Amino acid sequence: MTYKLTAIDMKVIEFVKIKLQEGKFNISKWDLKEIPLKGQVYTFQNKDDSVEFSAFVNEDHITLGYDKLNTEGFITEAMAESVQEAIENTDLDRKKLRQRVRKVKTIFEI
């Protein structure tokens, strides 16, 4: 099944393309990783999936952002002005994340 891009999907992709070019990134090295069902958070990654950032859509306003862990170890979203800022500020230490996940009851244990 092929996903048909919506007008907002295309708007987000064009916005991110411009931001990548402004940051002097080679756009052929980047791709869309996740597309939301209801158009809120799009995730973009480099080709080897070692770096990613997000584009958030709120009432047709698009901003760049990234994920980080808060003091309790939960993932939160933060805004960024540029792709470089989003990449540099991403804080998803997988080890910390796994430790937090081990401490929290799963949906099946509640």
PDB file of N, CA and C in Angstrom:
ATOM      1  N   MET A   1       0.842  -1.173   0.000  1.00  0.00           N
ATOM      2  CA  MET A   1       0.000   0.000   0.000  1.00  0.00           C
ATOM      3  C   MET A   1       0.894   1.245   0.000  1.00  0.00           C
ATOM      4  N   THR A   2       0.616   2.159  -0.849  1.00  0.00           N
ATOM      5  CA  THR A   2       1.379   3.393  -0.957  1.00  0.00           C
ATOM      6  C   THR A   2       0.631   4.511  -0.257  1.00  0.00           C
ATOM      7  N   TYR A   3       1.363   5.259   0.541  1.00  0.00           N
ATOM      8  CA  TYR A   3       0.769   6.387   1.252  1.00  0.00           C
ATOM      9  C   TYR A   3       0.735   7.586   0.320  1.00  0.00           C
ATOM     10  N   LYS A   4      -0.397   8.250   0.231  1.00  0.00           N
ATOM     11  CA  LYS A   4      -0.512   9.450  -0.587  1.00  0.00           C
ATOM     12  C   LYS A   4      -0.267  10.665   0.304  1.00  0.00           C
ATOM     13  N   LEU A   5       0.740  11.455  -0.046  1.00  0.00           N
ATOM     14  CA  LEU A   5       1.078  12.636   0.742  1.00  0.00           C
ATOM     15  C   LEU A   5      -0.034  13.674   0.647  1.00  0.00           C
ATOM     16  N   THR A   6      -0.356  14.259   1.794  1.00  0.00           N
ATOM     17  CA  THR A   6      -1.377  15.303   1.848  1.00  0.00           C
ATOM     18  C   THR A   6      -0.721  16.660   1.580  1.00  0.00           C
ATOM     19  N   ALA A   7      -1.544  17.672   1.468  1.00  0.00           N
ATOM     20  CA  ALA A   7      -1.030  19.031   1.261  1.00  0.00           C
ATOM     21  C   ALA A   7      -0.162  19.469   2.439  1.00  0.00           C
ATOM     22  N   ILE A   8      -0.569  19.141   3.663  1.00  0.00           N
ATOM     23  CA  ILE A   8       0.227  19.523   4.841  1.00  0.00           C
ATOM     24  C   ILE A   8       1.534  18.723   4.877  1.00  0.00           C
ATOM     25  N   ASP A   9       1.490  17.451   4.471  1.00  0.00           N
ATOM     26  CA  ASP A   9       2.725  16.656   4.388  1.00  0.00           C
ATOM     27  C   ASP A   9       3.723  17.342   3.455  1.00  0.00           C
ATOM     28  N   MET A  10       3.242  17.762   2.296  1.00  0.00           N
ATOM     29  CA  MET A  10       4.111  18.419   1.321  1.00  0.00           C
ATOM     30  C   MET A  10       4.647  19.745   1.856  1.00  0.00           C
ATOM     31  N   LYS A  11       3.810  20.469   2.593  1.00  0.00           N
ATOM     32  CA  LYS A  11       4.226  21.742   3.182  1.00  0.00           C
ATOM     33  C   LYS A  11       5.346  21.517   4.207  1.00  0.00           C
ATOM     34  N   VAL A  12       5.202  20.486   5.037  1.00  0.00           N
ATOM     35  CA  VAL A  12       6.225  20.155   6.041  1.00  0.00           C
ATOM     36  C   VAL A  12       7.525  19.736   5.356  1.00  0.00           C
ATOM     37  N   ILE A  13       7.424  18.896   4.351  1.00  0.00           N
ATOM     38  CA  ILE A  13       8.612  18.423   3.632  1.00  0.00           C
ATOM     39  C   ILE A  13       9.351  19.597   2.996  1.00  0.00           C
ATOM     40  N   GLU A  14       8.628  20.510   2.388  1.00  0.00           N
ATOM     41  CA  GLU A  14       9.253  21.686   1.774  1.00  0.00           C
ATOM     42  C   GLU A  14       9.903  22.578   2.849  1.00  0.00           C
ATOM     43  N   PHE A  15       9.220  22.767   3.970  1.00  0.00           N
ATOM     44  CA  PHE A  15       9.765  23.555   5.080  1.00  0.00           C
ATOM     45  C   PHE A  15      11.091  22.955   5.558  1.00  0.00           C
ATOM     46  N   VAL A  16      11.109  21.645   5.768  1.00  0.00           N
ATOM     47  CA  VAL A  16      12.318  20.973   6.262  1.00  0.00           C
ATOM     48  C   VAL A  16      13.421  21.018   5.211  1.00  0.00           C
ATOM     49  N   LYS A  17      13.071  20.847   3.955  1.00  0.00           N
ATOM     50  CA  LYS A  17      14.069  20.934   2.880  1.00  0.00           C
ATOM     51  C   LYS A  17      14.765  22.292   2.917  1.00  0.00           C
ATOM     52  N   ILE A  18      13.991  23.354   3.047  1.00  0.00           N
ATOM     53  CA  ILE A  18      14.561  24.709   3.113  1.00  0.00           C
ATOM     54  C   ILE A  18      15.460  24.848   4.345  1.00  0.00           C
ATOM     55  N   LYS A  19      15.011  24.336   5.490  1.00  0.00           N
ATOM     56  CA  LYS A  19      15.811  24.428   6.718  1.00  0.00           C
ATOM     57  C   LYS A  19      17.118  23.636   6.597  1.00  0.00           C
ATOM     58  N   LEU A  20      17.058  22.462   5.958  1.00  0.00           N
ATOM     59  CA  LEU A  20      18.276  21.684   5.739  1.00  0.00           C
ATOM     60  C   LEU A  20      19.243  22.454   4.838  1.00  0.00           C
ATOM     61  N   GLN A  21      18.727  23.040   3.772  1.00  0.00           N
ATOM     62  CA  GLN A  21      19.572  23.807   2.863  1.00  0.00           C
ATOM     63  C   GLN A  21      20.155  25.035   3.550  1.00  0.00           C
ATOM     64  N   GLU A  22      19.356  25.720   4.368  1.00  0.00           N
ATOM     65  CA  GLU A  22      19.865  26.882   5.117  1.00  0.00           C
ATOM     66  C   GLU A  22      21.020  26.480   6.032  1.00  0.00           C
ATOM     67  N   GLY A  23      20.950  25.270   6.578  1.00  0.00           N
ATOM     68  CA  GLY A  23      21.999  24.775   7.462  1.00  0.00           C
ATOM     69  C   GLY A  23      23.155  24.124   6.727  1.00  0.00           C
ATOM     70  N   LYS A  24      23.143  24.212   5.399  1.00  0.00           N
ATOM     71  CA  LYS A  24      24.207  23.657   4.548  1.00  0.00           C
ATOM     72  C   LYS A  24      24.293  22.138   4.618  1.00  0.00           C
ATOM     73  N   PHE A  25      23.149  21.479   4.875  1.00  0.00           N
ATOM     74  CA  PHE A  25      23.100  20.026   4.873  1.00  0.00           C
ATOM     75  C   PHE A  25      22.835  19.533   3.454  1.00  0.00           C
ATOM     76  N   ASN A  26      23.394  18.389   3.114  1.00  0.00           N
ATOM     77  CA  ASN A  26      23.145  17.755   1.825  1.00  0.00           C
ATOM     78  C   ASN A  26      21.792  17.048   1.909  1.00  0.00           C
ATOM     79  N   ILE A  27      20.797  17.556   1.210  1.00  0.00           N
ATOM     80  CA  ILE A  27      19.442  17.001   1.360  1.00  0.00           C
ATOM     81  C   ILE A  27      19.332  15.566   0.854  1.00  0.00           C
ATOM     82  N   SER A  28      20.243  15.126   0.007  1.00  0.00           N
ATOM     83  CA  SER A  28      20.187  13.740  -0.462  1.00  0.00           C
ATOM     84  C   SER A  28      20.590  12.752   0.626  1.00  0.00           C
ATOM     85  N   LYS A  29      21.118  13.253   1.743  1.00  0.00           N
ATOM     86  CA  LYS A  29      21.531  12.403   2.866  1.00  0.00           C
ATOM     87  C   LYS A  29      20.452  12.302   3.939  1.00  0.00           C
ATOM     88  N   TRP A  30      19.289  12.906   3.716  1.00  0.00           N
ATOM     89  CA  TRP A  30      18.212  12.946   4.708  1.00  0.00           C
ATOM     90  C   TRP A  30      16.928  12.388   4.127  1.00  0.00           C
ATOM     91  N   ASP A  31      16.086  11.845   5.013  1.00  0.00           N
ATOM     92  CA  ASP A  31      14.817  11.280   4.568  1.00  0.00           C
ATOM     93  C   ASP A  31      13.771  11.406   5.668  1.00  0.00           C
ATOM     94  N   LEU A  32      12.554  11.249   5.275  1.00  0.00           N
ATOM     95  CA  LEU A  32      11.432  11.249   6.213  1.00  0.00           C
ATOM     96  C   LEU A  32      11.388   9.885   6.879  1.00  0.00           C
ATOM     97  N   LYS A  33      11.432   9.865   8.206  1.00  0.00           N
ATOM     98  CA  LYS A  33      11.424   8.610   8.953  1.00  0.00           C
ATOM     99  C   LYS A  33      10.012   8.218   9.364  1.00  0.00           C
ATOM    100  N   GLU A  34       9.276   9.172   9.927  1.00  0.00           N
ATOM    101  CA  GLU A  34       7.917   8.895  10.400  1.00  0.00           C
ATOM    102  C   GLU A  34       6.990  10.021   9.978  1.00  0.00           C
ATOM    103  N   ILE A  35       5.823   9.616   9.540  1.00  0.00           N
ATOM    104  CA  ILE A  35       4.807  10.581   9.157  1.00  0.00           C
ATOM    105  C   ILE A  35       3.583  10.303  10.028  1.00  0.00           C
ATOM    106  N   PRO A  36       3.034  11.313  10.645  1.00  0.00           N
ATOM    107  CA  PRO A  36       1.911  11.077  11.558  1.00  0.00           C
ATOM    108  C   PRO A  36       0.605  10.815  10.818  1.00  0.00           C
ATOM    109  N   LEU A  37      -0.276  10.108  11.483  1.00  0.00           N
ATOM    110  CA  LEU A  37      -1.588   9.863  10.892  1.00  0.00           C
ATOM    111  C   LEU A  37      -2.433  11.124  10.871  1.00  0.00           C
ATOM    112  N   LYS A  38      -2.260  11.966  11.882  1.00  0.00           N
ATOM    113  CA  LYS A  38      -3.073  13.173  11.968  1.00  0.00           C
ATOM    114  C   LYS A  38      -2.252  14.446  11.870  1.00  0.00           C
ATOM    115  N   GLY A  39      -1.074  14.379  11.296  1.00  0.00           N
ATOM    116  CA  GLY A  39      -0.291  15.558  10.977  1.00  0.00           C
ATOM    117  C   GLY A  39       0.215  16.411  12.111  1.00  0.00           C
ATOM    118  N   GLN A  40       0.905  15.839  13.101  1.00  0.00           N
ATOM    119  CA  GLN A  40       1.427  16.662  14.185  1.00  0.00           C
ATOM    120  C   GLN A  40       2.945  16.616  14.305  1.00  0.00           C
ATOM    121  N   VAL A  41       3.546  15.432  14.337  1.00  0.00           N
ATOM    122  CA  VAL A  41       5.002  15.336  14.495  1.00  0.00           C
ATOM    123  C   VAL A  41       5.586  14.461  13.381  1.00  0.00           C
ATOM    124  N   TYR A  42       6.419  15.077  12.574  1.00  0.00           N
ATOM    125  CA  TYR A  42       7.125  14.371  11.508  1.00  0.00           C
ATOM    126  C   TYR A  42       8.562  14.184  11.963  1.00  0.00           C
ATOM    127  N   THR A  43       9.118  12.999  11.752  1.00  0.00           N
ATOM    128  CA  THR A  43      10.498  12.741  12.145  1.00  0.00           C
ATOM    129  C   THR A  43      11.340  12.546  10.886  1.00  0.00           C
ATOM    130  N   PHE A  44      12.475  13.231  10.846  1.00  0.00           N
ATOM    131  CA  PHE A  44      13.416  13.123   9.737  1.00  0.00           C
ATOM    132  C   PHE A  44      14.715  12.541  10.263  1.00  0.00           C
ATOM    133  N   GLN A  45      15.395  11.759   9.433  1.00  0.00           N
ATOM    134  CA  GLN A  45      16.639  11.108   9.846  1.00  0.00           C
ATOM    135  C   GLN A  45      17.670  11.197   8.741  1.00  0.00           C
ATOM    136  N   ASN A  46      18.941  11.076   9.150  1.00  0.00           N
ATOM    137  CA  ASN A  46      19.964  10.949   8.126  1.00  0.00           C
ATOM    138  C   ASN A  46      19.930   9.513   7.616  1.00  0.00           C
ATOM    139  N   LYS A  47      20.585   9.249   6.489  1.00  0.00           N
ATOM    140  CA  LYS A  47      20.459   7.948   5.810  1.00  0.00           C
ATOM    141  C   LYS A  47      20.890   6.763   6.668  1.00  0.00           C
ATOM    142  N   ASP A  48      21.874   6.950   7.567  1.00  0.00           N
ATOM    143  CA  ASP A  48      22.300   5.815   8.393  1.00  0.00           C
ATOM    144  C   ASP A  48      21.537   5.741   9.719  1.00  0.00           C
ATOM    145  N   ASP A  49      20.514   6.595   9.889  1.00  0.00           N
ATOM    146  CA  ASP A  49      19.628   6.597  11.058  1.00  0.00           C
ATOM    147  C   ASP A  49      20.368   6.822  12.373  1.00  0.00           C
ATOM    148  N   SER A  50      21.466   7.588  12.326  1.00  0.00           N
ATOM    149  CA  SER A  50      22.202   7.876  13.562  1.00  0.00           C
ATOM    150  C   SER A  50      21.799   9.230  14.148  1.00  0.00           C
ATOM    151  N   VAL A  51      21.138  10.062  13.353  1.00  0.00           N
ATOM    152  CA  VAL A  51      20.725  11.392  13.782  1.00  0.00           C
ATOM    153  C   VAL A  51      19.310  11.641  13.285  1.00  0.00           C
ATOM    154  N   GLU A  52      18.502  12.254  14.150  1.00  0.00           N
ATOM    155  CA  GLU A  52      17.146  12.601  13.720  1.00  0.00           C
ATOM    156  C   GLU A  52      16.693  13.885  14.402  1.00  0.00           C
ATOM    157  N   PHE A  53      15.667  14.472  13.833  1.00  0.00           N
ATOM    158  CA  PHE A  53      15.024  15.642  14.402  1.00  0.00           C
ATOM    159  C   PHE A  53      13.573  15.630  13.948  1.00  0.00           C
ATOM    160  N   SER A  54      12.786  16.524  14.507  1.00  0.00           N
ATOM    161  CA  SER A  54      11.358  16.534  14.205  1.00  0.00           C
ATOM    162  C   SER A  54      10.897  17.860  13.639  1.00  0.00           C
ATOM    163  N   ALA A  55       9.762  17.810  12.991  1.00  0.00           N
ATOM    164  CA  ALA A  55       9.031  19.012  12.579  1.00  0.00           C
ATOM    165  C   ALA A  55       7.650  18.875  13.207  1.00  0.00           C
ATOM    166  N   PHE A  56       7.253  19.885  13.968  1.00  0.00           N
ATOM    167  CA  PHE A  56       5.970  19.883  14.658  1.00  0.00           C
ATOM    168  C   PHE A  56       4.991  20.772  13.910  1.00  0.00           C
ATOM    169  N   VAL A  57       3.764  20.299  13.768  1.00  0.00           N
ATOM    170  CA  VAL A  57       2.723  21.077  13.108  1.00  0.00           C
ATOM    171  C   VAL A  57       1.642  21.380  14.143  1.00  0.00           C
ATOM    172  N   ASN A  58       1.361  22.675  14.293  1.00  0.00           N
ATOM    173  CA  ASN A  58       0.331  23.111  15.222  1.00  0.00           C
ATOM    174  C   ASN A  58      -0.505  24.174  14.523  1.00  0.00           C
ATOM    175  N   GLU A  59      -1.722  23.820  14.166  1.00  0.00           N
ATOM    176  CA  GLU A  59      -2.621  24.740  13.466  1.00  0.00           C
ATOM    177  C   GLU A  59      -1.941  25.351  12.241  1.00  0.00           C
ATOM    178  N   ASP A  60      -1.376  24.529  11.400  1.00  0.00           N
ATOM    179  CA  ASP A  60      -0.703  24.925  10.152  1.00  0.00           C
ATOM    180  C   ASP A  60       0.579  25.717  10.362  1.00  0.00           C
ATOM    181  N   HIS A  61       1.059  25.844  11.600  1.00  0.00           N
ATOM    182  CA  HIS A  61       2.345  26.475  11.876  1.00  0.00           C
ATOM    183  C   HIS A  61       3.371  25.357  12.068  1.00  0.00           C
ATOM    184  N   ILE A  62       4.490  25.438  11.358  1.00  0.00           N
ATOM    185  CA  ILE A  62       5.506  24.386  11.419  1.00  0.00           C
ATOM    186  C   ILE A  62       6.736  24.902  12.146  1.00  0.00           C
ATOM    187  N   THR A  63       7.242  24.116  13.083  1.00  0.00           N
ATOM    188  CA  THR A  63       8.481  24.443  13.787  1.00  0.00           C
ATOM    189  C   THR A  63       9.367  23.210  13.833  1.00  0.00           C
ATOM    190  N   LEU A  64      10.649  23.425  14.001  1.00  0.00           N
ATOM    191  CA  LEU A  64      11.595  22.326  14.170  1.00  0.00           C
ATOM    192  C   LEU A  64      11.685  21.977  15.645  1.00  0.00           C
ATOM    193  N   GLY A  65      12.066  20.746  15.925  1.00  0.00           N
ATOM    194  CA  GLY A  65      12.208  20.345  17.311  1.00  0.00           C
ATOM    195  C   GLY A  65      12.999  19.064  17.472  1.00  0.00           C
ATOM    196  N   TYR A  66      13.063  18.626  18.691  1.00  0.00           N
ATOM    197  CA  TYR A  66      13.835  17.436  19.035  1.00  0.00           C
ATOM    198  C   TYR A  66      13.270  16.818  20.303  1.00  0.00           C
ATOM    199  N   ASP A  67      13.685  15.587  20.567  1.00  0.00           N
ATOM    200  CA  ASP A  67      13.283  14.885  21.771  1.00  0.00           C
ATOM    201  C   ASP A  67      14.402  14.963  22.803  1.00  0.00           C
ATOM    202  N   LYS A  68      13.991  15.041  24.061  1.00  0.00           N
ATOM    203  CA  LYS A  68      14.968  15.010  25.145  1.00  0.00           C
ATOM    204  C   LYS A  68      14.315  14.307  26.329  1.00  0.00           C
ATOM    205  N   LEU A  69      15.141  13.868  27.259  1.00  0.00           N
ATOM    206  CA  LEU A  69      14.633  13.224  28.464  1.00  0.00           C
ATOM    207  C   LEU A  69      14.522  14.266  29.564  1.00  0.00           C
ATOM    208  N   ASN A  70      13.377  14.281  30.262  1.00  0.00           N
ATOM    209  CA  ASN A  70      13.249  15.205  31.393  1.00  0.00           C
ATOM    210  C   ASN A  70      13.887  14.565  32.623  1.00  0.00           C
ATOM    211  N   THR A  71      13.818  15.227  33.763  1.00  0.00           N
ATOM    212  CA  THR A  71      14.502  14.744  34.960  1.00  0.00           C
ATOM    213  C   THR A  71      13.945  13.418  35.473  1.00  0.00           C
ATOM    214  N   GLU A  72      12.689  13.116  35.108  1.00  0.00           N
ATOM    215  CA  GLU A  72      12.106  11.832  35.501  1.00  0.00           C
ATOM    216  C   GLU A  72      12.406  10.727  34.496  1.00  0.00           C
ATOM    217  N   GLY A  73      13.069  11.079  33.398  1.00  0.00           N
ATOM    218  CA  GLY A  73      13.428  10.079  32.394  1.00  0.00           C
ATOM    219  C   GLY A  73      12.379   9.876  31.319  1.00  0.00           C
ATOM    220  N   PHE A  74      11.400  10.767  31.222  1.00  0.00           N
ATOM    221  CA  PHE A  74      10.378  10.660  30.193  1.00  0.00           C
ATOM    222  C   PHE A  74      10.754  11.525  28.991  1.00  0.00           C
ATOM    223  N   ILE A  75      10.372  11.099  27.810  1.00  0.00           N
ATOM    224  CA  ILE A  75      10.664  11.846  26.596  1.00  0.00           C
ATOM    225  C   ILE A  75       9.743  13.056  26.497  1.00  0.00           C
ATOM    226  N   THR A  76      10.347  14.217  26.254  1.00  0.00           N
ATOM    227  CA  THR A  76       9.579  15.441  26.035  1.00  0.00           C
ATOM    228  C   THR A  76      10.055  16.074  24.723  1.00  0.00           C
ATOM    229  N   GLU A  77       9.250  16.969  24.194  1.00  0.00           N
ATOM    230  CA  GLU A  77       9.592  17.642  22.946  1.00  0.00           C
ATOM    231  C   GLU A  77      10.040  19.067  23.243  1.00  0.00           C
ATOM    232  N   ALA A  78      11.033  19.536  22.490  1.00  0.00           N
ATOM    233  CA  ALA A  78      11.524  20.905  22.638  1.00  0.00           C
ATOM    234  C   ALA A  78      11.633  21.526  21.251  1.00  0.00           C
ATOM    235  N   MET A  79      11.485  22.841  21.170  1.00  0.00           N
ATOM    236  CA  MET A  79      11.547  23.559  19.897  1.00  0.00           C
ATOM    237  C   MET A  79      12.976  23.980  19.582  1.00  0.00           C
ATOM    238  N   ALA A  80      13.261  24.107  18.280  1.00  0.00           N
ATOM    239  CA  ALA A  80      14.578  24.552  17.815  1.00  0.00           C
ATOM    240  C   ALA A  80      14.393  25.535  16.662  1.00  0.00           C
ATOM    241  N   GLU A  81      15.342  26.437  16.512  1.00  0.00           N
ATOM    242  CA  GLU A  81      15.307  27.421  15.424  1.00  0.00           C
ATOM    243  C   GLU A  81      15.911  26.866  14.136  1.00  0.00           C
ATOM    244  N   SER A  82      16.820  25.884  14.279  1.00  0.00           N
ATOM    245  CA  SER A  82      17.513  25.347  13.097  1.00  0.00           C
ATOM    246  C   SER A  82      17.667  23.838  13.232  1.00  0.00           C
ATOM    247  N   VAL A  83      17.981  23.193  12.108  1.00  0.00           N
ATOM    248  CA  VAL A  83      18.243  21.754  12.127  1.00  0.00           C
ATOM    249  C   VAL A  83      19.454  21.479  13.009  1.00  0.00           C
ATOM    250  N   GLN A  84      20.493  22.290  12.883  1.00  0.00           N
ATOM    251  CA  GLN A  84      21.706  22.101  13.687  1.00  0.00           C
ATOM    252  C   GLN A  84      21.388  22.144  15.179  1.00  0.00           C
ATOM    253  N   GLU A  85      20.581  23.105  15.599  1.00  0.00           N
ATOM    254  CA  GLU A  85      20.197  23.209  17.007  1.00  0.00           C
ATOM    255  C   GLU A  85      19.426  21.964  17.450  1.00  0.00           C
ATOM    256  N   ALA A  86      18.525  21.494  16.616  1.00  0.00           N
ATOM    257  CA  ALA A  86      17.747  20.301  16.957  1.00  0.00           C
ATOM    258  C   ALA A  86      18.653  19.087  17.110  1.00  0.00           C
ATOM    259  N   ILE A  87      19.594  18.934  16.202  1.00  0.00           N
ATOM    260  CA  ILE A  87      20.518  17.792  16.261  1.00  0.00           C
ATOM    261  C   ILE A  87      21.403  17.881  17.500  1.00  0.00           C
ATOM    262  N   GLU A  88      21.973  19.048  17.731  1.00  0.00           N
ATOM    263  CA  GLU A  88      22.901  19.215  18.860  1.00  0.00           C
ATOM    264  C   GLU A  88      22.219  19.051  20.214  1.00  0.00           C
ATOM    265  N   ASN A  89      20.949  19.388  20.312  1.00  0.00           N
ATOM    266  CA  ASN A  89      20.264  19.346  21.601  1.00  0.00           C
ATOM    267  C   ASN A  89      19.474  18.065  21.856  1.00  0.00           C
ATOM    268  N   THR A  90      19.412  17.193  20.875  1.00  0.00           N
ATOM    269  CA  THR A  90      18.713  15.926  21.087  1.00  0.00           C
ATOM    270  C   THR A  90      19.395  15.180  22.220  1.00  0.00           C
ATOM    271  N   ASP A  91      18.595  14.775  23.194  1.00  0.00           N
ATOM    272  CA  ASP A  91      19.138  14.086  24.369  1.00  0.00           C
ATOM    273  C   ASP A  91      18.314  12.839  24.620  1.00  0.00           C
ATOM    274  N   LEU A  92      18.649  11.799  23.889  1.00  0.00           N
ATOM    275  CA  LEU A  92      17.968  10.531  24.105  1.00  0.00           C
ATOM    276  C   LEU A  92      19.007   9.469  24.403  1.00  0.00           C
ATOM    277  N   ASP A  93      19.577   9.571  25.573  1.00  0.00           N
ATOM    278  CA  ASP A  93      20.531   8.566  26.020  1.00  0.00           C
ATOM    279  C   ASP A  93      19.774   7.256  26.160  1.00  0.00           C
ATOM    280  N   ARG A  94      20.014   6.347  25.246  1.00  0.00           N
ATOM    281  CA  ARG A  94      19.259   5.083  25.207  1.00  0.00           C
ATOM    282  C   ARG A  94      19.416   4.287  26.509  1.00  0.00           C
ATOM    283  N   LYS A  95      20.590   4.357  27.142  1.00  0.00           N
ATOM    284  CA  LYS A  95      20.801   3.639  28.397  1.00  0.00           C
ATOM    285  C   LYS A  95      19.880   4.184  29.482  1.00  0.00           C
ATOM    286  N   LYS A  96      19.802   5.526  29.611  1.00  0.00           N
ATOM    287  CA  LYS A  96      18.908   6.142  30.598  1.00  0.00           C
ATOM    288  C   LYS A  96      17.454   5.796  30.296  1.00  0.00           C
ATOM    289  N   LEU A  97      17.107   5.819  29.019  1.00  0.00           N
ATOM    290  CA  LEU A  97      15.741   5.519  28.615  1.00  0.00           C
ATOM    291  C   LEU A  97      15.373   4.085  28.995  1.00  0.00           C
ATOM    292  N   ARG A  98      16.272   3.141  28.729  1.00  0.00           N
ATOM    293  CA  ARG A  98      15.994   1.733  29.085  1.00  0.00           C
ATOM    294  C   ARG A  98      15.877   1.563  30.600  1.00  0.00           C
ATOM    295  N   GLN A  99      16.700   2.281  31.377  1.00  0.00           N
ATOM    296  CA  GLN A  99      16.614   2.192  32.834  1.00  0.00           C
ATOM    297  C   GLN A  99      15.263   2.694  33.321  1.00  0.00           C
ATOM    298  N   ARG A 100      14.781   3.791  32.741  1.00  0.00           N
ATOM    299  CA  ARG A 100      13.485   4.319  33.137  1.00  0.00           C
ATOM    300  C   ARG A 100      12.384   3.343  32.764  1.00  0.00           C
ATOM    301  N   VAL A 101      12.470   2.768  31.586  1.00  0.00           N
ATOM    302  CA  VAL A 101      11.441   1.847  31.123  1.00  0.00           C
ATOM    303  C   VAL A 101      11.366   0.630  32.039  1.00  0.00           C
ATOM    304  N   ARG A 102      12.502   0.152  32.522  1.00  0.00           N
ATOM    305  CA  ARG A 102      12.499  -1.006  33.417  1.00  0.00           C
ATOM    306  C   ARG A 102      11.795  -0.707  34.739  1.00  0.00           C
ATOM    307  N   LYS A 103      11.796   0.557  35.177  1.00  0.00           N
ATOM    308  CA  LYS A 103      11.193   0.932  36.455  1.00  0.00           C
ATOM    309  C   LYS A 103       9.694   1.182  36.360  1.00  0.00           C
ATOM    310  N   VAL A 104       9.188   1.395  35.173  1.00  0.00           N
ATOM    311  CA  VAL A 104       7.777   1.728  34.991  1.00  0.00           C
ATOM    312  C   VAL A 104       6.998   0.468  34.638  1.00  0.00           C
ATOM    313  N   LYS A 105       5.832   0.312  35.257  1.00  0.00           N
ATOM    314  CA  LYS A 105       4.990  -0.841  34.950  1.00  0.00           C
ATOM    315  C   LYS A 105       4.505  -0.759  33.509  1.00  0.00           C
ATOM    316  N   THR A 106       4.429  -1.892  32.864  1.00  0.00           N
ATOM    317  CA  THR A 106       3.898  -1.917  31.506  1.00  0.00           C
ATOM    318  C   THR A 106       2.379  -1.842  31.554  1.00  0.00           C
ATOM    319  N   ILE A 107       1.783  -1.631  30.424  1.00  0.00           N
ATOM    320  CA  ILE A 107       0.327  -1.560  30.335  1.00  0.00           C
ATOM    321  C   ILE A 107      -0.312  -2.859  30.821  1.00  0.00           C
ATOM    322  N   PHE A 108       0.405  -3.963  30.703  1.00  0.00           N
ATOM    323  CA  PHE A 108      -0.122  -5.262  31.104  1.00  0.00           C
ATOM    324  C   PHE A 108      -0.006  -5.509  32.605  1.00  0.00           C
ATOM    325  N   GLU A 109       0.780  -4.682  33.298  1.00  0.00           N
ATOM    326  CA  GLU A 109       0.972  -4.852  34.742  1.00  0.00           C
ATOM    327  C   GLU A 109       0.107  -3.908  35.573  1.00  0.00           C
ATOM    328  N   ILE A 110      -0.587  -3.007  34.927  1.00  0.00           N
ATOM    329  CA  ILE A 110      -1.395  -2.020  35.656  1.00  0.00           C
ATOM    330  C   ILE A 110      -2.689  -2.656  36.136  1.00  0.00           C
TER     331      ILE A 110
END
